Amino acid sequence: MSGSRTTGPPARDTIGGAHRSLRDQVYLEVRERIIDGRWPSGHRIVERELAEELGVSRIPVREALQRLETEGFVTAAARRGAFVAPLGPAEAADFFDIRERLEALAAALAADRADAAGLRVLERLLERARRAAGTARRTRELASVHADFHQQIVVMAGNPLLLDLMAPLDGRLRRLFSLTTEPADGVAMCGEHERLYAAIRDGDAREAERIARAHVAGTREAAMRLLTAVDPEPVNPERVAGAGPPGP
């Protein structure tokens, strides 16, 4: 399977060539389809059909879906199967409540502990974001690079517990960015990231924390506005399930 997050995995009929278990390959494939929006909230995932498409048995499909359910990407409806979990205003609000606090902490720690190697990674990500900013056909890449930038700050914080706490949020952040990033956002987003980078580079933990909080608050406002306009009512998997045939 493709490891790229920028343009999505290539179309294929089967999987199994990578040095990963079939369960992990199915997990990554389904996760990517949810993150990049090919499978929207409420999309019904039929085990049998997915197994046939990917050329695997239903066992790794079932195991992958169970993992995705624990991570909040999939929800199971009794006797109806699995569905893509909703990501509307309510879910986004809960996510931002956590993200604002943890990312502010990560930025402060990163400013205290930044090294040359970590800063170079941030610089490369900023350069990639600048090239993609304002280009409609590269919006998905821009969303992915922004998520990578935030993930790198968590890595640079050098706190294993914080890294573990943030790991389950990474996929949700990527999904949120994929759904809410627009070409017009690119330049402004790059500017905010550059200011955050400068504070971390300069070792100014207080300023890095302040910028991170303000940045998350700004993206929250924009994302909530867009999600409310696109999906004013949360998706109910039970309601969606009733429209299709029963069982997986």
Protein backbone atom coordinates (compact mmCIF):
# COMPACT_ATOMS: atom_id res chain seq x y z
CA MET A 1 0.00 0.00 0.00
CA SER A 2 1.11 3.55 -0.58
CA GLY A 3 2.60 5.38 2.38
CA SER A 4 1.81 8.83 0.98
CA ARG A 5 -0.71 10.98 2.75
CA THR A 6 -0.57 13.78 0.24
CA THR A 7 -2.56 12.44 -2.66
CA GLY A 8 -4.21 9.33 -1.24
CA PRO A 9 -3.35 5.72 -2.04
CA PRO A 10 -3.50 4.55 -5.66
CA ALA A 11 -6.49 2.56 -6.79
CA ARG A 12 -5.92 -1.17 -6.55
CA ASP A 13 -7.91 -4.38 -6.50
CA THR A 14 -5.95 -6.26 -3.85
CA ILE A 15 -3.43 -5.61 -1.11
CA GLY A 16 -0.80 -7.74 0.55
CA GLY A 17 2.58 -6.76 -0.88
CA ALA A 18 3.86 -4.62 1.98
CA HIS A 19 5.78 -5.80 5.05
CA ARG A 20 2.70 -5.37 7.23
CA SER A 21 0.05 -7.79 8.38
CA LEU A 22 -3.11 -7.94 6.27
CA ARG A 23 -5.01 -6.51 9.22
CA ASP A 24 -2.71 -3.48 9.34
CA GLN A 25 -2.91 -2.97 5.58
CA VAL A 26 -6.70 -3.07 5.65
CA TYR A 27 -6.68 -0.73 8.64
CA LEU A 28 -4.49 1.82 6.84
CA GLU A 29 -6.54 1.62 3.64
CA VAL A 30 -9.87 2.16 5.37
CA ARG A 31 -8.43 4.86 7.64
CA GLU A 32 -7.12 6.76 4.61
CA ARG A 33 -10.47 6.56 2.84
CA ILE A 34 -12.14 8.08 5.90
CA ILE A 35 -9.48 10.73 6.45
CA ASP A 36 -9.48 11.99 2.87
CA GLY A 37 -13.27 12.05 2.67
CA ARG A 38 -13.84 9.32 0.10
CA TRP A 39 -15.96 7.65 2.75
CA PRO A 40 -18.06 10.35 4.45
CA SER A 41 -19.83 10.21 7.79
CA GLY A 42 -22.48 7.51 7.81
CA HIS A 43 -20.95 5.51 4.95
CA ARG A 44 -21.82 1.85 5.45
CA ILE A 45 -18.83 -0.51 5.44
CA VAL A 46 -19.78 -4.00 4.32
CA GLU A 47 -17.22 -6.56 5.47
CA ARG A 48 -17.88 -8.99 2.65
CA GLU A 49 -17.65 -6.37 -0.08
CA LEU A 50 -14.50 -4.79 1.35
CA ALA A 51 -12.80 -8.17 1.73
CA GLU A 52 -13.60 -9.01 -1.90
CA GLU A 53 -12.37 -5.62 -3.13
CA LEU A 54 -9.07 -5.89 -1.26
CA GLY A 55 -8.54 -9.58 -1.98
CA VAL A 56 -8.42 -10.70 1.66
CA SER A 57 -10.57 -12.80 3.96
CA ARG A 58 -13.12 -11.19 6.25
CA ILE A 59 -10.98 -11.85 9.33
CA PRO A 60 -8.41 -9.03 8.79
CA VAL A 61 -11.26 -6.75 7.70
CA ARG A 62 -13.14 -7.42 10.91
CA GLU A 63 -10.00 -6.92 13.01
CA ALA A 64 -9.18 -3.66 11.23
CA LEU A 65 -12.71 -2.33 11.76
CA GLN A 66 -12.54 -3.17 15.45
CA ARG A 67 -9.33 -1.15 15.76
CA LEU A 68 -10.85 1.73 13.83
CA GLU A 69 -13.85 1.66 16.14
CA THR A 70 -11.63 2.04 19.21
CA GLU A 71 -9.95 5.03 17.53
CA GLY A 72 -13.23 6.75 16.76
CA PHE A 73 -13.23 6.35 12.97
CA VAL A 74 -15.93 3.68 12.81
CA THR A 75 -19.08 3.07 14.77
CA ALA A 76 -20.97 -0.22 14.97
CA ALA A 77 -24.76 -0.40 14.87
CA ALA A 78 -26.41 -3.47 16.39
CA ARG A 79 -27.26 -6.04 13.70
CA ARG A 80 -26.55 -3.47 10.98
CA GLY A 81 -22.75 -3.51 10.66
CA ALA A 82 -20.10 -0.80 10.64
CA PHE A 83 -20.37 2.83 9.55
CA VAL A 84 -17.99 5.75 9.27
CA ALA A 85 -18.29 7.67 12.52
CA PRO A 86 -19.74 11.16 12.32
CA LEU A 87 -17.48 14.20 12.35
CA GLY A 88 -19.80 17.14 12.69
CA PRO A 89 -19.87 20.22 14.93
CA ALA A 90 -20.47 18.27 18.15
CA GLU A 91 -17.61 15.85 17.57
CA ALA A 92 -15.30 18.66 16.43
CA ALA A 93 -16.06 20.71 19.55
CA ASP A 94 -15.04 17.83 21.81
CA PHE A 95 -11.89 17.32 19.76
CA PHE A 96 -10.87 20.98 19.92
CA ASP A 97 -11.39 21.11 23.70
CA ILE A 98 -8.66 18.51 24.08
CA ARG A 99 -6.47 19.65 21.22
CA GLU A 100 -6.15 23.25 22.41
CA ARG A 101 -4.73 22.23 25.76
CA LEU A 102 -2.47 19.42 24.62
CA GLU A 103 -1.04 21.25 21.62
CA ALA A 104 -0.29 24.31 23.74
CA LEU A 105 1.60 22.08 26.16
CA ALA A 106 3.44 20.40 23.28
CA ALA A 107 4.50 23.76 21.83
CA ALA A 108 5.85 24.96 25.18
CA LEU A 109 7.81 21.75 25.72
CA ALA A 110 9.11 21.82 22.15
CA ALA A 111 10.43 25.34 22.69
CA ASP A 112 12.29 24.16 25.78
CA ARG A 113 13.70 21.04 24.13
CA ALA A 114 14.04 21.82 20.42
CA ASP A 115 17.17 20.58 18.69
CA ALA A 116 18.63 21.34 15.28
CA ALA A 117 17.32 18.14 13.70
CA GLY A 118 13.75 18.75 14.84
CA LEU A 119 13.86 22.36 13.68
CA ARG A 120 15.05 21.26 10.23
CA VAL A 121 12.03 18.98 9.93
CA LEU A 122 9.72 21.90 10.77
CA GLU A 123 11.52 24.07 8.22
CA ARG A 124 11.03 21.47 5.48
CA LEU A 125 7.36 21.13 6.33
CA LEU A 126 6.92 24.90 6.21
CA GLU A 127 8.56 25.01 2.79
CA ARG A 128 6.27 22.27 1.48
CA ALA A 129 3.26 24.12 2.86
CA ARG A 130 4.31 27.38 1.18
CA ARG A 131 4.56 25.63 -2.18
CA ALA A 132 1.11 24.08 -1.80
CA ALA A 133 -0.64 27.14 -0.35
CA GLY A 134 -3.21 28.79 -2.56
CA THR A 135 -3.22 25.99 -5.14
CA ALA A 136 -6.60 24.30 -5.37
CA ARG A 137 -5.26 21.05 -6.77
CA ARG A 138 -2.85 20.74 -3.83
CA THR A 139 -5.33 21.37 -1.03
CA ARG A 140 -5.20 17.77 0.15
CA GLU A 141 -1.41 17.94 0.29
CA LEU A 142 -1.63 21.19 2.23
CA ALA A 143 -3.95 19.61 4.79
CA SER A 144 -1.58 16.67 5.20
CA VAL A 145 1.51 18.86 5.61
CA HIS A 146 -0.24 20.99 8.23
CA ALA A 147 -1.07 17.85 10.18
CA ASP A 148 2.55 16.69 9.86
CA PHE A 149 3.71 20.06 11.23
CA HIS A 150 1.58 19.67 14.35
CA GLN A 151 2.67 16.06 14.79
CA GLN A 152 6.34 17.06 14.58
CA ILE A 153 5.87 19.57 17.39
CA VAL A 154 4.47 16.80 19.58
CA VAL A 155 7.51 14.66 18.74
CA MET A 156 9.84 17.56 19.57
CA ALA A 157 8.14 17.99 22.95
CA GLY A 158 10.12 14.93 24.01
CA ASN A 159 7.44 13.65 26.38
CA PRO A 160 6.53 9.98 25.71
CA LEU A 161 3.31 10.21 27.70
CA LEU A 162 2.14 13.26 25.75
CA LEU A 163 3.05 11.48 22.51
CA ASP A 164 0.91 8.51 23.56
CA LEU A 165 -1.98 10.78 24.49
CA MET A 166 -1.82 12.64 21.18
CA ALA A 167 -1.38 9.56 18.97
CA PRO A 168 -5.11 8.68 18.79
CA LEU A 169 -5.88 12.31 17.92
CA ASP A 170 -3.54 12.43 14.94
CA GLY A 171 -5.89 10.62 12.58
CA ARG A 172 -8.83 12.75 13.66
CA LEU A 173 -6.77 15.88 13.09
CA ARG A 174 -5.91 14.70 9.58
CA ARG A 175 -9.56 13.93 8.87
CA LEU A 176 -10.62 17.33 10.18
CA PHE A 177 -7.99 19.15 8.12
CA SER A 178 -8.98 17.16 5.03
CA LEU A 179 -12.62 18.16 5.48
CA THR A 180 -12.10 21.81 6.37
CA THR A 181 -8.92 23.03 4.62
CA GLU A 182 -9.63 25.30 1.65
CA PRO A 183 -7.17 26.80 -0.86
CA ALA A 184 -7.77 30.30 0.51
CA ASP A 185 -6.65 29.19 3.98
CA GLY A 186 -3.15 28.26 2.91
CA VAL A 187 -1.28 31.56 3.15
CA ALA A 188 -2.78 32.54 6.51
CA MET A 189 -2.16 29.07 7.94
CA CYS A 190 1.46 29.16 6.80
CA GLY A 191 1.92 32.53 8.50
CA GLU A 192 0.61 31.20 11.80
CA HIS A 193 2.85 28.15 11.56
CA GLU A 194 5.86 30.33 10.79
CA ARG A 195 5.23 32.40 13.92
CA LEU A 196 4.90 29.24 15.97
CA TYR A 197 8.10 27.87 14.47
CA ALA A 198 9.95 31.09 15.32
CA ALA A 199 8.90 30.93 18.97
CA ILE A 200 10.01 27.30 19.22
CA ARG A 201 13.31 28.06 17.46
CA ASP A 202 13.94 30.96 19.84
CA GLY A 203 13.21 28.82 22.90
CA ASP A 204 10.34 31.08 24.00
CA ALA A 205 8.04 28.55 25.66
CA ARG A 206 5.50 31.09 26.87
CA GLU A 207 5.14 32.65 23.42
CA ALA A 208 4.98 29.25 21.73
CA GLU A 209 2.19 28.20 24.08
CA ARG A 210 0.28 31.44 23.45
CA ILE A 211 0.58 31.16 19.67
CA ALA A 212 -0.44 27.49 19.73
CA ARG A 213 -3.56 28.27 21.76
CA ALA A 214 -4.53 31.15 19.50
CA HIS A 215 -3.87 29.05 16.40
CA VAL A 216 -6.06 26.18 17.56
CA ALA A 217 -8.81 28.61 18.61
CA GLY A 218 -8.75 30.19 15.16
CA THR A 219 -8.89 26.87 13.33
CA ARG A 220 -11.68 25.81 15.65
CA GLU A 221 -13.82 28.78 14.72
CA ALA A 222 -13.29 28.25 11.00
CA ALA A 223 -13.83 24.49 11.16
CA MET A 224 -17.01 24.78 13.22
CA ARG A 225 -18.41 27.32 10.78
CA LEU A 226 -17.74 25.06 7.81
CA LEU A 227 -18.89 21.84 9.46
CA THR A 228 -22.13 23.49 10.58
CA ALA A 229 -22.80 24.68 7.05
CA VAL A 230 -22.02 21.30 5.48
CA ASP A 231 -23.54 19.02 8.11
CA PRO A 232 -25.97 20.95 10.32
CA GLU A 233 -27.37 17.74 11.82
CA PRO A 234 -25.25 14.87 13.17
CA VAL A 235 -25.33 11.60 11.27
CA ASN A 236 -27.19 8.83 13.06
CA PRO A 237 -25.73 5.47 12.02
CA GLU A 238 -28.88 3.66 13.15
CA ARG A 239 -30.97 5.87 10.86
CA VAL A 240 -28.61 5.35 7.95
CA ALA A 241 -28.49 1.63 8.65
CA GLY A 242 -32.20 1.32 8.29
CA ALA A 243 -31.98 2.30 4.65
CA GLY A 244 -29.85 -0.66 3.58
CA PRO A 245 -29.92 -4.45 3.80
CA PRO A 246 -29.17 -5.94 7.21
CA GLY A 247 -25.94 -7.57 8.25
CA PRO A 248 -22.35 -7.25 7.06
